Amino acid sequence: MADSWVNSAEILGSDLHLELARAGSRRTALMTALREAIRDGRLAPDTRLPPYRSLAADLGIARNTVADAYAELVAEGWLTARQGSGTRVAPRPA
């Protein structure tokens, strides 16, 4: 059975369900789930993502795992991050 993030509606203002695959690293699974949610339109551009600690607690994974996944997705251009404004979904090209 896969882990899922079910406490997202209050945080994101939408009903987002992330499935983390059991195989491979938790970081890779989280990155894959977030990329798919962005591609599918379940995470719209400029949507603010939950803080590391909140998401880590909801998923039962380490805070550093979430921080590393967010940082990698920022480097890849999927997310943006600014101190004080949190991590958001980056605008996607048309």
N, C-alpha and C. Protein backbone atom coordinates (compact mmCIF):
# COMPACT_ATOMS: atom_id res chain seq x y z
N MET A 1 0.84 -1.19 0.00
CA MET A 1 0.00 0.00 0.00
C MET A 1 0.88 1.25 0.00
N ALA A 2 0.52 2.26 -0.72
CA ALA A 2 1.31 3.48 -0.83
C ALA A 2 0.91 4.48 0.23
N ASP A 3 1.87 5.35 0.63
CA ASP A 3 1.57 6.44 1.54
C ASP A 3 0.85 7.52 0.76
N SER A 4 0.01 8.27 1.43
CA SER A 4 -0.66 9.36 0.75
C SER A 4 -0.75 10.57 1.66
N TRP A 5 -0.84 11.72 1.06
CA TRP A 5 -0.99 12.96 1.80
C TRP A 5 -2.45 13.33 1.73
N VAL A 6 -3.17 13.12 2.82
CA VAL A 6 -4.61 13.32 2.81
C VAL A 6 -5.05 14.58 3.54
N ASN A 7 -4.15 15.26 4.21
CA ASN A 7 -4.50 16.45 4.99
C ASN A 7 -4.20 17.71 4.21
N SER A 8 -4.40 17.68 2.91
CA SER A 8 -3.96 18.79 2.07
C SER A 8 -5.02 19.83 1.79
N ALA A 9 -6.28 19.50 1.89
CA ALA A 9 -7.33 20.43 1.49
C ALA A 9 -7.25 21.73 2.27
N GLU A 10 -7.03 21.64 3.57
CA GLU A 10 -6.95 22.85 4.39
C GLU A 10 -5.71 23.66 4.04
N ILE A 11 -4.61 23.00 3.78
CA ILE A 11 -3.34 23.68 3.51
C ILE A 11 -3.35 24.34 2.13
N LEU A 12 -3.79 23.61 1.12
CA LEU A 12 -3.71 24.10 -0.25
C LEU A 12 -5.01 24.71 -0.77
N GLY A 13 -6.08 24.50 -0.05
CA GLY A 13 -7.36 25.00 -0.55
C GLY A 13 -7.90 24.14 -1.67
N SER A 14 -7.38 22.94 -1.80
CA SER A 14 -7.85 22.01 -2.81
C SER A 14 -7.69 20.60 -2.25
N ASP A 15 -8.25 19.65 -2.94
CA ASP A 15 -8.16 18.27 -2.49
C ASP A 15 -7.06 17.58 -3.28
N LEU A 16 -5.87 17.58 -2.77
CA LEU A 16 -4.73 16.97 -3.44
C LEU A 16 -4.39 15.67 -2.74
N HIS A 17 -4.20 14.65 -3.51
CA HIS A 17 -3.86 13.34 -2.97
C HIS A 17 -2.56 12.89 -3.63
N LEU A 18 -1.50 12.78 -2.84
CA LEU A 18 -0.22 12.34 -3.37
C LEU A 18 0.01 10.89 -3.00
N GLU A 19 0.32 10.07 -3.97
CA GLU A 19 0.67 8.68 -3.75
C GLU A 19 2.17 8.53 -3.86
N LEU A 20 2.79 8.03 -2.81
CA LEU A 20 4.23 7.80 -2.84
C LEU A 20 4.48 6.31 -3.06
N ALA A 21 5.21 5.99 -4.12
CA ALA A 21 5.53 4.61 -4.43
C ALA A 21 6.40 4.02 -3.32
N ARG A 22 6.22 2.76 -3.06
CA ARG A 22 7.02 2.07 -2.03
C ARG A 22 8.46 1.82 -2.50
N ALA A 23 8.64 1.58 -3.78
CA ALA A 23 9.97 1.27 -4.31
C ALA A 23 10.80 2.54 -4.43
N GLY A 24 12.08 2.43 -4.20
CA GLY A 24 12.97 3.58 -4.35
C GLY A 24 12.98 4.46 -3.11
N SER A 25 13.67 5.58 -3.22
CA SER A 25 13.80 6.48 -2.08
C SER A 25 12.53 7.30 -1.88
N ARG A 26 12.31 7.73 -0.66
CA ARG A 26 11.15 8.56 -0.34
C ARG A 26 11.25 9.90 -1.06
N ARG A 27 12.47 10.44 -1.15
CA ARG A 27 12.69 11.72 -1.84
C ARG A 27 12.28 11.61 -3.30
N THR A 28 12.73 10.56 -3.97
CA THR A 28 12.39 10.35 -5.38
C THR A 28 10.88 10.15 -5.54
N ALA A 29 10.28 9.39 -4.65
CA ALA A 29 8.84 9.15 -4.73
C ALA A 29 8.06 10.46 -4.56
N LEU A 30 8.48 11.31 -3.61
CA LEU A 30 7.81 12.58 -3.41
C LEU A 30 7.98 13.49 -4.61
N MET A 31 9.19 13.55 -5.16
CA MET A 31 9.44 14.37 -6.34
C MET A 31 8.57 13.91 -7.51
N THR A 32 8.47 12.62 -7.72
CA THR A 32 7.65 12.07 -8.80
C THR A 32 6.18 12.42 -8.60
N ALA A 33 5.69 12.28 -7.38
CA ALA A 33 4.29 12.59 -7.09
C ALA A 33 3.99 14.07 -7.30
N LEU A 34 4.89 14.94 -6.89
CA LEU A 34 4.68 16.37 -7.09
C LEU A 34 4.74 16.75 -8.57
N ARG A 35 5.69 16.20 -9.31
CA ARG A 35 5.76 16.46 -10.76
C ARG A 35 4.46 16.04 -11.45
N GLU A 36 3.96 14.85 -11.10
CA GLU A 36 2.72 14.36 -11.71
C GLU A 36 1.55 15.27 -11.36
N ALA A 37 1.47 15.73 -10.12
CA ALA A 37 0.37 16.62 -9.71
C ALA A 37 0.44 17.94 -10.47
N ILE A 38 1.64 18.43 -10.74
CA ILE A 38 1.80 19.67 -11.51
C ILE A 38 1.42 19.43 -12.97
N ARG A 39 1.94 18.36 -13.56
CA ARG A 39 1.62 18.03 -14.96
C ARG A 39 0.12 17.84 -15.17
N ASP A 40 -0.53 17.15 -14.22
CA ASP A 40 -1.96 16.85 -14.33
C ASP A 40 -2.85 18.06 -14.03
N GLY A 41 -2.26 19.13 -13.54
CA GLY A 41 -3.04 20.31 -13.21
C GLY A 41 -3.67 20.30 -11.83
N ARG A 42 -3.37 19.28 -11.03
CA ARG A 42 -3.89 19.23 -9.66
C ARG A 42 -3.19 20.26 -8.78
N LEU A 43 -1.99 20.65 -9.17
CA LEU A 43 -1.26 21.74 -8.52
C LEU A 43 -1.07 22.83 -9.57
N ALA A 44 -1.83 23.87 -9.45
CA ALA A 44 -1.79 24.97 -10.42
C ALA A 44 -0.60 25.89 -10.16
N PRO A 45 -0.13 26.60 -11.18
CA PRO A 45 0.94 27.57 -10.97
C PRO A 45 0.58 28.54 -9.84
N ASP A 46 1.57 28.88 -9.06
CA ASP A 46 1.50 29.79 -7.92
C ASP A 46 0.81 29.19 -6.70
N THR A 47 0.46 27.90 -6.74
CA THR A 47 -0.10 27.25 -5.55
C THR A 47 1.01 27.12 -4.51
N ARG A 48 0.70 27.55 -3.30
CA ARG A 48 1.69 27.46 -2.22
C ARG A 48 1.66 26.05 -1.64
N LEU A 49 2.83 25.46 -1.53
CA LEU A 49 2.95 24.13 -0.96
C LEU A 49 3.10 24.23 0.55
N PRO A 50 2.79 23.16 1.26
CA PRO A 50 2.90 23.20 2.72
C PRO A 50 4.37 23.27 3.16
N PRO A 51 4.60 23.77 4.35
CA PRO A 51 5.97 23.79 4.89
C PRO A 51 6.52 22.37 5.01
N TYR A 52 7.84 22.28 5.02
CA TYR A 52 8.50 20.96 5.10
C TYR A 52 7.96 20.12 6.25
N ARG A 53 7.90 20.72 7.42
CA ARG A 53 7.50 19.95 8.61
C ARG A 53 6.08 19.41 8.49
N SER A 54 5.17 20.22 7.98
CA SER A 54 3.78 19.78 7.85
C SER A 54 3.66 18.62 6.88
N LEU A 55 4.27 18.76 5.72
CA LEU A 55 4.18 17.69 4.72
C LEU A 55 4.89 16.43 5.22
N ALA A 56 6.04 16.60 5.84
CA ALA A 56 6.78 15.45 6.37
C ALA A 56 5.95 14.70 7.41
N ALA A 57 5.29 15.45 8.31
CA ALA A 57 4.45 14.81 9.33
C ALA A 57 3.28 14.08 8.69
N ASP A 58 2.64 14.70 7.70
CA ASP A 58 1.50 14.07 7.03
C ASP A 58 1.89 12.79 6.31
N LEU A 59 3.08 12.79 5.72
CA LEU A 59 3.54 11.63 4.95
C LEU A 59 4.31 10.61 5.78
N GLY A 60 4.69 11.00 7.00
CA GLY A 60 5.48 10.09 7.83
C GLY A 60 6.89 9.91 7.34
N ILE A 61 7.47 10.99 6.79
CA ILE A 61 8.85 10.94 6.31
C ILE A 61 9.64 12.05 6.98
N ALA A 62 10.94 12.03 6.83
CA ALA A 62 11.80 13.02 7.47
C ALA A 62 11.65 14.40 6.83
N ARG A 63 11.76 15.43 7.66
CA ARG A 63 11.66 16.81 7.18
C ARG A 63 12.73 17.09 6.13
N ASN A 64 13.94 16.59 6.35
CA ASN A 64 15.03 16.81 5.39
C ASN A 64 14.74 16.16 4.04
N THR A 65 13.99 15.08 4.04
CA THR A 65 13.60 14.43 2.79
C THR A 65 12.72 15.37 1.97
N VAL A 66 11.77 16.02 2.64
CA VAL A 66 10.89 16.98 1.95
C VAL A 66 11.70 18.18 1.49
N ALA A 67 12.56 18.69 2.37
CA ALA A 67 13.39 19.86 2.02
C ALA A 67 14.26 19.55 0.80
N ASP A 68 14.86 18.38 0.77
CA ASP A 68 15.71 17.99 -0.37
C ASP A 68 14.89 17.86 -1.65
N ALA A 69 13.69 17.28 -1.54
CA ALA A 69 12.83 17.13 -2.72
C ALA A 69 12.41 18.49 -3.25
N TYR A 70 11.99 19.40 -2.37
CA TYR A 70 11.62 20.75 -2.78
C TYR A 70 12.80 21.44 -3.46
N ALA A 71 13.99 21.34 -2.86
CA ALA A 71 15.18 22.01 -3.41
C ALA A 71 15.50 21.49 -4.81
N GLU A 72 15.39 20.19 -5.00
CA GLU A 72 15.66 19.60 -6.32
C GLU A 72 14.62 20.08 -7.35
N LEU A 73 13.35 20.14 -6.95
CA LEU A 73 12.30 20.59 -7.86
C LEU A 73 12.43 22.09 -8.17
N VAL A 74 12.95 22.86 -7.23
CA VAL A 74 13.26 24.27 -7.51
C VAL A 74 14.36 24.35 -8.55
N ALA A 75 15.42 23.55 -8.36
CA ALA A 75 16.54 23.55 -9.31
C ALA A 75 16.09 23.12 -10.70
N GLU A 76 15.11 22.22 -10.78
CA GLU A 76 14.60 21.75 -12.07
C GLU A 76 13.59 22.72 -12.69
N GLY A 77 13.14 23.72 -11.93
CA GLY A 77 12.19 24.69 -12.46
C GLY A 77 10.72 24.37 -12.21
N TRP A 78 10.42 23.31 -11.48
CA TRP A 78 9.04 22.95 -11.18
C TRP A 78 8.44 23.82 -10.08
N LEU A 79 9.29 24.24 -9.14
CA LEU A 79 8.85 25.04 -8.00
C LEU A 79 9.69 26.30 -7.89
N THR A 80 9.17 27.28 -7.16
CA THR A 80 9.94 28.48 -6.82
C THR A 80 9.93 28.60 -5.30
N ALA A 81 10.97 29.21 -4.76
CA ALA A 81 11.04 29.39 -3.31
C ALA A 81 11.69 30.72 -3.00
N ARG A 82 11.05 31.45 -2.10
CA ARG A 82 11.62 32.71 -1.60
C ARG A 82 11.42 32.73 -0.10
N GLN A 83 12.46 33.13 0.60
CA GLN A 83 12.36 33.20 2.05
C GLN A 83 11.22 34.13 2.44
N GLY A 84 10.37 33.65 3.32
CA GLY A 84 9.25 34.44 3.78
C GLY A 84 7.96 34.25 3.00
N SER A 85 8.05 33.72 1.78
CA SER A 85 6.81 33.51 1.02
C SER A 85 6.56 32.04 0.73
N GLY A 86 7.41 31.17 1.19
CA GLY A 86 7.20 29.73 1.03
C GLY A 86 7.59 29.20 -0.33
N THR A 87 7.21 27.96 -0.55
CA THR A 87 7.50 27.27 -1.81
C THR A 87 6.21 27.20 -2.61
N ARG A 88 6.31 27.55 -3.88
CA ARG A 88 5.13 27.60 -4.76
C ARG A 88 5.41 26.85 -6.06
N VAL A 89 4.34 26.46 -6.71
CA VAL A 89 4.45 25.86 -8.04
C VAL A 89 4.87 26.95 -9.01
N ALA A 90 5.88 26.67 -9.81
CA ALA A 90 6.39 27.65 -10.78
C ALA A 90 5.42 27.77 -11.95
N PRO A 91 5.40 28.96 -12.59
CA PRO A 91 4.60 29.11 -13.81
C PRO A 91 5.10 28.13 -14.87
N ARG A 92 4.19 27.54 -15.61
CA ARG A 92 4.55 26.60 -16.67
C ARG A 92 4.45 27.29 -18.02
N PRO A 93 5.36 26.99 -18.94
CA PRO A 93 5.25 27.56 -20.28
C PRO A 93 3.98 27.10 -20.97
N ALA A 94 3.45 27.95 -21.80
CA ALA A 94 2.18 27.62 -22.51
C ALA A 94 2.36 26.52 -23.51
